[in-house]
Amino acid sequence: MSHIKLLPLLVSLSCLSLYCKKESEEDKLPPATTVGAQTIGCLMNGHAWPSKEDKEDIDFLGSGYAKGIFELDCAVLYPGTSSRRTGVYIRVKYKIFGPGYYVIPFDGGISDAFKALYRNVSYDSYFTNGGYAILNITRLDTINHYMAGTFEYNVYAFTKTDMVKVTKGRFDYKYN
């Protein structure tokens, strides 16, 4: 008889635990939109970037698209300076011409660049021969100046022993 009285309590506790889900790192990223929301986010080695504290300080610097050059240059700057604290940088020349799924190989050259500044270390596709980046451009409107999509890549530091994994990246930007 006492087991029957405990059953509703156990069912209630089980239902409550379903609603108490802890926020994951991916939940901290902005939604994937295409409306010029001025947002960017990704996971760097599994941690949300920019952090919750840095979201208001994100700067899109020289981001935009012109004459076949796609550039997404975003950073959190040290207050009152132009020095980067953390950031991602993507530049692709003459390979992106509209919305679509692009795989960009790292060939050791400097015409295309994928970088990350994470925990005071600079990571660069220049040091990542044989790697590649995946860009899924969901909006590239050269008339109204919108660019949106997703990205991911892994890049090494100068030592070629330390790597950062940039995953679940997404951006939505209205450029000048």
Protein backbone atom coordinates (compact mmCIF):
# COMPACT_ATOMS: atom_id res chain seq x y z
CA MET A 1 0.00 0.00 0.00
CA SER A 2 2.82 2.46 0.79
CA HIS A 3 4.37 1.76 -2.62
CA ILE A 4 1.21 2.98 -4.30
CA LYS A 5 1.45 6.30 -2.39
CA LEU A 6 5.05 6.80 -3.53
CA LEU A 7 4.23 6.28 -7.20
CA PRO A 8 2.68 9.76 -7.79
CA LEU A 9 5.65 11.37 -6.02
CA LEU A 10 8.15 9.51 -8.19
CA VAL A 11 6.25 10.37 -11.36
CA SER A 12 6.17 14.06 -10.34
CA LEU A 13 9.91 14.11 -9.65
CA SER A 14 10.65 12.41 -12.97
CA CYS A 15 8.61 14.99 -14.87
CA LEU A 16 10.28 17.85 -13.01
CA SER A 17 13.75 16.57 -13.92
CA LEU A 18 12.80 16.73 -17.61
CA TYR A 19 12.20 20.48 -17.31
CA CYS A 20 15.43 21.21 -15.37
CA LYS A 21 17.77 20.72 -18.30
CA LYS A 22 21.16 22.37 -17.83
CA GLU A 23 22.07 24.84 -20.58
CA SER A 24 24.66 23.31 -22.91
CA GLU A 25 27.48 25.27 -24.54
CA GLU A 26 25.65 25.03 -27.89
CA ASP A 27 22.56 26.58 -26.28
CA LYS A 28 24.67 29.70 -25.60
CA LEU A 29 25.19 30.33 -29.32
CA PRO A 30 22.98 32.74 -31.25
CA PRO A 31 20.26 31.23 -33.43
CA ALA A 32 21.07 30.56 -37.08
CA THR A 33 19.25 33.42 -38.83
CA THR A 34 19.51 35.25 -42.17
CA VAL A 35 18.07 38.67 -41.37
CA GLY A 36 21.18 40.75 -40.63
CA ALA A 37 20.97 40.17 -36.88
CA GLN A 38 24.65 41.17 -36.36
CA THR A 39 25.38 37.91 -34.54
CA ILE A 40 28.18 35.39 -34.56
CA GLY A 41 29.05 32.43 -32.37
CA CYS A 42 30.81 29.10 -32.39
CA LEU A 43 32.27 26.48 -30.12
CA MET A 44 36.04 26.66 -29.62
CA ASN A 45 37.21 23.34 -28.20
CA GLY A 46 33.64 22.82 -27.00
CA HIS A 47 33.29 26.21 -25.25
CA ALA A 48 30.89 28.89 -26.48
CA TRP A 49 32.50 31.91 -28.14
CA PRO A 50 31.96 34.72 -27.56
CA SER A 51 31.33 34.18 -23.88
CA LYS A 52 28.16 35.52 -22.33
CA GLU A 53 30.14 38.45 -20.89
CA ASP A 54 31.71 39.29 -24.28
CA LYS A 55 28.60 39.19 -26.50
CA GLU A 56 28.10 42.98 -26.26
CA ASP A 57 31.75 43.65 -27.16
CA ILE A 58 31.89 41.72 -30.45
CA ASP A 59 33.26 43.72 -33.37
CA PHE A 60 32.81 42.65 -37.00
CA LEU A 61 35.87 44.72 -38.03
CA GLY A 62 36.44 44.31 -41.81
CA SER A 63 33.73 41.73 -42.51
CA GLY A 64 31.95 41.77 -45.84
CA TYR A 65 31.87 40.53 -49.42
CA ALA A 66 33.16 42.31 -52.51
CA LYS A 67 34.66 41.35 -55.87
CA GLY A 68 34.69 37.64 -55.01
CA ILE A 69 36.37 38.04 -51.62
CA PHE A 70 34.42 36.74 -48.62
CA GLU A 71 35.68 38.01 -45.27
CA LEU A 72 34.34 37.34 -41.79
CA ASP A 73 36.61 39.06 -39.26
CA CYS A 74 35.14 39.09 -35.75
CA ALA A 75 36.81 39.74 -32.44
CA VAL A 76 36.34 40.77 -28.87
CA LEU A 77 38.78 43.64 -28.34
CA TYR A 78 40.52 44.69 -25.15
CA PRO A 79 38.66 47.74 -23.81
CA GLY A 80 39.82 51.02 -25.32
CA THR A 81 42.20 49.35 -27.81
CA SER A 82 42.21 47.73 -31.21
CA SER A 83 43.97 44.64 -29.81
CA ARG A 84 42.09 41.37 -30.11
CA ARG A 85 41.33 39.36 -26.99
CA THR A 86 39.56 36.49 -28.79
CA GLY A 87 38.20 36.03 -32.27
CA VAL A 88 37.70 34.18 -35.54
CA TYR A 89 38.84 35.21 -38.98
CA ILE A 90 37.78 33.72 -42.30
CA ARG A 91 38.89 35.01 -45.69
CA VAL A 92 38.17 33.16 -48.93
CA LYS A 93 39.20 34.59 -52.30
CA TYR A 94 37.32 33.85 -55.51
CA LYS A 95 35.63 30.62 -54.40
CA ILE A 96 32.31 31.82 -52.95
CA PHE A 97 29.80 33.26 -55.40
CA GLY A 98 26.49 32.77 -53.63
CA PRO A 99 24.64 30.58 -51.17
CA GLY A 100 25.88 27.01 -51.05
CA TYR A 101 27.97 24.40 -49.28
CA TYR A 102 31.71 24.97 -49.67
CA VAL A 103 34.66 22.82 -48.59
CA ILE A 104 37.82 24.95 -48.61
CA PRO A 105 41.10 22.99 -48.42
CA PHE A 106 44.09 24.41 -46.53
CA ASP A 107 46.98 24.39 -48.96
CA GLY A 108 49.54 26.27 -46.89
CA GLY A 109 49.06 29.43 -48.93
CA ILE A 110 47.88 32.78 -47.70
CA SER A 111 45.13 33.57 -50.23
CA ASP A 112 42.52 31.80 -48.09
CA ALA A 113 42.80 32.12 -44.31
CA PHE A 114 41.03 30.56 -41.36
CA LYS A 115 42.16 31.69 -37.93
CA ALA A 116 41.15 31.60 -34.30
CA LEU A 117 42.48 33.51 -31.31
CA TYR A 118 41.70 31.38 -28.29
CA ARG A 119 43.17 31.59 -24.76
CA ASN A 120 45.90 33.99 -25.91
CA VAL A 121 47.12 31.63 -28.64
CA SER A 122 46.79 32.31 -32.36
CA TYR A 123 45.77 29.35 -34.55
CA ASP A 124 46.01 29.54 -38.34
CA SER A 125 45.21 27.46 -41.41
CA TYR A 126 48.66 28.41 -42.68
CA PHE A 127 50.08 25.91 -40.14
CA THR A 128 47.41 23.27 -40.91
CA ASN A 129 48.41 21.64 -44.20
CA GLY A 130 45.95 18.97 -45.28
CA GLY A 131 43.10 20.48 -43.26
CA TYR A 132 39.93 22.08 -44.57
CA ALA A 133 37.04 24.32 -43.58
CA ILE A 134 33.36 23.84 -44.21
CA LEU A 135 31.27 26.90 -45.00
CA ASN A 136 27.55 26.70 -45.59
CA ILE A 137 26.52 30.09 -46.91
CA THR A 138 22.76 30.40 -46.41
CA ARG A 139 22.48 34.02 -47.56
CA LEU A 140 24.82 36.15 -49.63
CA ASP A 141 22.90 39.19 -50.84
CA THR A 142 25.30 41.59 -52.58
CA ILE A 143 22.53 44.11 -53.31
CA ASN A 144 21.27 44.54 -49.72
CA HIS A 145 24.59 43.46 -48.15
CA TYR A 146 23.57 40.46 -46.07
CA MET A 147 25.77 37.45 -45.35
CA ALA A 148 24.77 34.51 -43.19
CA GLY A 149 25.74 30.89 -42.74
CA THR A 150 27.61 28.31 -40.72
CA PHE A 151 31.25 27.29 -40.47
CA GLU A 152 33.64 24.82 -38.89
CA TYR A 153 37.34 24.08 -39.08
CA ASN A 154 40.32 22.89 -37.05
CA VAL A 155 43.52 24.95 -37.03
CA TYR A 156 46.94 24.55 -35.45
CA ALA A 157 49.16 27.04 -33.64
CA PHE A 158 52.65 27.87 -34.89
CA THR A 159 54.08 24.91 -32.93
CA LYS A 160 51.84 22.55 -34.94
CA THR A 161 51.17 20.62 -31.70
CA ASP A 162 48.33 22.69 -30.23
CA MET A 163 45.02 22.71 -32.13
CA VAL A 164 41.69 24.46 -31.67
CA LYS A 165 38.46 22.95 -33.01
CA VAL A 166 36.01 25.57 -34.24
CA THR A 167 32.59 23.91 -34.55
CA LYS A 168 28.90 24.84 -34.75
CA GLY A 169 29.85 28.29 -36.04
CA ARG A 170 27.10 30.57 -37.26
CA PHE A 171 26.93 34.17 -38.35
CA ASP A 172 24.34 36.65 -39.60
CA TYR A 173 25.70 40.02 -40.63
CA LYS A 174 24.60 43.09 -42.58
CA TYR A 175 27.73 44.68 -44.00
CA ASN A 176 28.38 48.10 -45.56
